[in-house]
C-alpha atoms as a PDB file:
ATOM      1  CA  UNK A   1     -35.832 -58.760 125.816  1.00  0.00           C
ATOM      2  CA  UNK A   2     -39.536 -58.403 125.072  1.00  0.00           C
ATOM      3  CA  UNK A   3     -41.492 -60.035 122.279  1.00  0.00           C
ATOM      4  CA  UNK A   4     -41.569 -56.801 120.277  1.00  0.00           C
ATOM      5  CA  UNK A   5     -37.758 -56.754 120.280  1.00  0.00           C
ATOM      6  CA  UNK A   6     -37.782 -60.020 118.340  1.00  0.00           C
ATOM      7  CA  UNK A   7     -40.137 -58.843 115.622  1.00  0.00           C
ATOM      8  CA  UNK A   8     -38.551 -58.034 112.288  1.00  0.00           C
ATOM      9  CA  UNK A   9     -39.156 -54.521 111.068  1.00  0.00           C
ATOM     10  CA  UNK A  10     -41.725 -54.159 108.335  1.00  0.00           C
ATOM     11  CA  UNK A  11     -39.826 -53.640 105.079  1.00  0.00           C
ATOM     12  CA  UNK A  12     -40.190 -50.377 103.207  1.00  0.00           C
ATOM     13  CA  UNK A  13     -40.452 -49.852  99.467  1.00  0.00           C
ATOM     14  CA  UNK A  14     -39.722 -46.563  97.744  1.00  0.00           C
ATOM     15  CA  UNK A  15     -41.188 -45.859  94.318  1.00  0.00           C
ATOM     16  CA  UNK A  16     -38.184 -43.919  93.125  1.00  0.00           C
ATOM     17  CA  UNK A  17     -36.921 -41.908  90.185  1.00  0.00           C
ATOM     18  CA  UNK A  18     -33.166 -41.397  90.591  1.00  0.00           C
ATOM     19  CA  UNK A  19     -33.324 -38.349  88.296  1.00  0.00           C
ATOM     20  CA  UNK A  20     -35.807 -36.579  90.610  1.00  0.00           C
ATOM     21  CA  UNK A  21     -34.326 -34.374  93.338  1.00  0.00           C
ATOM     22  CA  UNK A  22     -37.326 -34.948  95.654  1.00  0.00           C
ATOM     23  CA  UNK A  23     -36.972 -38.697  95.265  1.00  0.00           C
ATOM     24  CA  UNK A  24     -33.238 -38.562  95.977  1.00  0.00           C
ATOM     25  CA  UNK A  25     -33.886 -36.352  99.031  1.00  0.00           C
ATOM     26  CA  UNK A  26     -36.482 -38.792 100.406  1.00  0.00           C
ATOM     27  CA  UNK A  27     -34.053 -41.684  99.969  1.00  0.00           C
ATOM     28  CA  UNK A  28     -31.309 -39.708 101.713  1.00  0.00           C
ATOM     29  CA  UNK A  29     -33.588 -38.954 104.685  1.00  0.00           C
ATOM     30  CA  UNK A  30     -34.262 -42.667 105.073  1.00  0.00           C
ATOM     31  CA  UNK A  31     -30.594 -43.636 104.760  1.00  0.00           C
ATOM     32  CA  UNK A  32     -29.634 -41.039 107.381  1.00  0.00           C
ATOM     33  CA  UNK A  33     -31.893 -42.975 109.758  1.00  0.00           C
ATOM     34  CA  UNK A  34     -30.341 -46.328 108.872  1.00  0.00           C
ATOM     35  CA  UNK A  35     -33.220 -47.378 106.616  1.00  0.00           C
ATOM     36  CA  UNK A  36     -32.458 -48.812 103.208  1.00  0.00           C
ATOM     37  CA  UNK A  37     -35.779 -49.395 101.457  1.00  0.00           C
ATOM     38  CA  UNK A  38     -36.327 -51.655  98.497  1.00  0.00           C
ATOM     39  CA  UNK A  39     -36.174 -49.334  95.502  1.00  0.00           C
ATOM     40  CA  UNK A  40     -38.639 -49.633  92.654  1.00  0.00           C
ATOM     41  CA  UNK A  41     -37.594 -47.493  89.729  1.00  0.00           C
ATOM     42  CA  UNK A  42     -41.158 -47.234  88.555  1.00  0.00           C
ATOM     43  CA  UNK A  43     -40.283 -45.688  85.186  1.00  0.00           C
ATOM     44  CA  UNK A  44     -38.372 -48.839  84.199  1.00  0.00           C
ATOM     45  CA  UNK A  45     -40.556 -51.254  86.192  1.00  0.00           C
ATOM     46  CA  UNK A  46     -43.997 -49.620  86.140  1.00  0.00           C
ATOM     47  CA  UNK A  47     -46.824 -50.866  88.343  1.00  0.00           C
ATOM     48  CA  UNK A  48     -49.754 -52.454  86.550  1.00  0.00           C
ATOM     49  CA  UNK A  49     -53.367 -51.428  87.109  1.00  0.00           C
ATOM     50  CA  UNK A  50     -53.872 -53.872  89.984  1.00  0.00           C
ATOM     51  CA  UNK A  51     -50.710 -52.661  91.750  1.00  0.00           C
ATOM     52  CA  UNK A  52     -51.875 -49.061  91.339  1.00  0.00           C
ATOM     53  CA  UNK A  53     -55.246 -49.909  92.904  1.00  0.00           C
ATOM     54  CA  UNK A  54     -53.484 -51.495  95.891  1.00  0.00           C
ATOM     55  CA  UNK A  55     -51.187 -48.493  96.170  1.00  0.00           C
ATOM     56  CA  UNK A  56     -54.102 -46.058  96.076  1.00  0.00           C
ATOM     57  CA  UNK A  57     -55.776 -48.058  98.850  1.00  0.00           C
ATOM     58  CA  UNK A  58     -52.656 -47.765 101.010  1.00  0.00           C
ATOM     59  CA  UNK A  59     -52.462 -44.050 100.284  1.00  0.00           C
ATOM     60  CA  UNK A  60     -56.183 -43.562 100.934  1.00  0.00           C
ATOM     61  CA  UNK A  61     -56.380 -41.334  97.866  1.00  0.00           C
ATOM     62  CA  UNK A  62     -58.324 -41.170  94.617  1.00  0.00           C
ATOM     63  CA  UNK A  63     -56.405 -41.812  91.402  1.00  0.00           C
ATOM     64  CA  UNK A  64     -56.237 -38.162  90.378  1.00  0.00           C
ATOM     65  CA  UNK A  65     -54.345 -37.314  93.603  1.00  0.00           C
ATOM     66  CA  UNK A  66     -51.552 -39.666  92.495  1.00  0.00           C
ATOM     67  CA  UNK A  67     -51.151 -37.995  89.112  1.00  0.00           C
ATOM     68  CA  UNK A  68     -48.523 -35.497  88.039  1.00  0.00           C
ATOM     69  CA  UNK A  69     -50.880 -32.912  86.607  1.00  0.00           C
ATOM     70  CA  UNK A  70     -48.003 -30.797  85.289  1.00  0.00           C
ATOM     71  CA  UNK A  71     -46.779 -33.541  82.957  1.00  0.00           C
ATOM     72  CA  UNK A  72     -47.287 -32.785  79.251  1.00  0.00           C
ATOM     73  CA  UNK A  73     -48.913 -36.226  78.898  1.00  0.00           C
ATOM     74  CA  UNK A  74     -51.578 -35.179  81.417  1.00  0.00           C
ATOM     75  CA  UNK A  75     -52.604 -32.290  79.178  1.00  0.00           C
ATOM     76  CA  UNK A  76     -52.041 -34.133  75.894  1.00  0.00           C
ATOM     77  CA  UNK A  77     -54.274 -37.018  76.963  1.00  0.00           C
ATOM     78  CA  UNK A  78     -56.861 -34.610  78.416  1.00  0.00           C
ATOM     79  CA  UNK A  79     -56.733 -36.349  81.767  1.00  0.00           C
ATOM     80  CA  UNK A  80     -58.117 -33.237  83.445  1.00  0.00           C
ATOM     81  CA  UNK A  81     -61.570 -34.227  82.135  1.00  0.00           C
ATOM     82  CA  UNK A  82     -63.754 -34.635  85.269  1.00  0.00           C
ATOM     83  CA  UNK A  83     -65.850 -37.237  83.432  1.00  0.00           C
ATOM     84  CA  UNK A  84     -62.944 -39.704  83.472  1.00  0.00           C
ATOM     85  CA  UNK A  85     -63.445 -42.571  85.901  1.00  0.00           C
ATOM     86  CA  UNK A  86     -60.978 -43.936  88.456  1.00  0.00           C
ATOM     87  CA  UNK A  87     -60.401 -46.856  86.075  1.00  0.00           C
ATOM     88  CA  UNK A  88     -59.642 -44.451  83.210  1.00  0.00           C
ATOM     89  CA  UNK A  89     -57.062 -42.614  85.317  1.00  0.00           C
ATOM     90  CA  UNK A  90     -55.489 -45.808  86.648  1.00  0.00           C
ATOM     91  CA  UNK A  91     -55.279 -47.187  83.110  1.00  0.00           C
ATOM     92  CA  UNK A  92     -53.536 -43.978  81.988  1.00  0.00           C
ATOM     93  CA  UNK A  93     -50.940 -44.199  84.797  1.00  0.00           C
ATOM     94  CA  UNK A  94     -50.258 -47.864  84.076  1.00  0.00           C
ATOM     95  CA  UNK A  95     -49.755 -47.043  80.401  1.00  0.00           C
ATOM     96  CA  UNK A  96     -47.541 -44.013  81.093  1.00  0.00           C
ATOM     97  CA  UNK A  97     -45.797 -44.173  84.487  1.00  0.00           C
ATOM     98  CA  UNK A  98     -44.436 -40.629  84.036  1.00  0.00           C
ATOM     99  CA  UNK A  99     -47.914 -39.592  85.188  1.00  0.00           C
ATOM    100  CA  UNK A 100     -47.376 -41.130  88.659  1.00  0.00           C
ATOM    101  CA  UNK A 101     -46.376 -38.708  91.408  1.00  0.00           C
ATOM    102  CA  UNK A 102     -43.124 -39.486  93.176  1.00  0.00           C
ATOM    103  CA  UNK A 103     -41.579 -40.490  95.455  1.00  0.00           C
ATOM    104  CA  UNK A 104     -43.925 -42.883  97.248  1.00  0.00           C
ATOM    105  CA  UNK A 105     -42.900 -44.737 100.397  1.00  0.00           C
ATOM    106  CA  UNK A 106     -44.782 -47.916 101.283  1.00  0.00           C
ATOM    107  CA  UNK A 107     -44.626 -49.828 104.551  1.00  0.00           C
ATOM    108  CA  UNK A 108     -47.069 -52.630 105.186  1.00  0.00           C
ATOM    109  CA  UNK A 109     -50.611 -51.371 104.681  1.00  0.00           C
ATOM    110  CA  UNK A 110     -49.658 -47.700 104.608  1.00  0.00           C
ATOM    111  CA  UNK A 111     -48.069 -45.402 102.064  1.00  0.00           C
ATOM    112  CA  UNK A 112     -47.256 -41.729 101.668  1.00  0.00           C
ATOM    113  CA  UNK A 113     -46.436 -39.492  98.720  1.00  0.00           C
ATOM    114  CA  UNK A 114     -43.212 -37.894  99.890  1.00  0.00           C
ATOM    115  CA  UNK A 115     -43.786 -34.361  98.663  1.00  0.00           C
ATOM    116  CA  UNK A 116     -42.151 -32.721 100.438  1.00  0.00           C
ATOM    117  CA  UNK A 117     -39.541 -35.455 101.021  1.00  0.00           C
ATOM    118  CA  UNK A 118     -39.873 -35.098 104.810  1.00  0.00           C
ATOM    119  CA  UNK A 119     -43.226 -36.858 104.565  1.00  0.00           C
ATOM    120  CA  UNK A 120     -41.338 -40.180 104.540  1.00  0.00           C
ATOM    121  CA  UNK A 121     -40.823 -39.594 108.258  1.00  0.00           C
ATOM    122  CA  UNK A 122     -44.566 -40.102 108.802  1.00  0.00           C
ATOM    123  CA  UNK A 123     -44.084 -43.857 108.320  1.00  0.00           C
ATOM    124  CA  UNK A 124     -41.136 -44.169 110.723  1.00  0.00           C
END
C-alpha cells in the first residue's frame, strides 16, 4: 500500500437547491459514483460576502458569471448595469441568494458551476 492510498479524499461540498432539477441531477451523478458531498442549501443558509469572494476565487470567475441573469431580481435591481463593481454584485448575491447560479461543486481549492450537471465530473 502506497502513501497515496492512506490519504483521505478531499471532501466535496455541493451548493444545492433541492427544488432545482439541475442540482438534483448533479447530486445524483455524484451518488452514482459513491460520492456523498456535504450539501449546503444555499437558499436557507446563504453564503456571506466573504464566502462568495472565496468561492469566486475557486471558480476563477468574475461575480457576474456566478449570477442567474434570468432571475426577476436581476432585472428588478438593475444588476445588468456594467458600471456595477464586483463588490456591488457580490453584495447583491449575499443579500439575495436566489441570484447565485446553481449547483456549484467545491473540492479543496477548486470549484465548478455544474451547468450542465455533468460538469461535476471535472472535479473527480
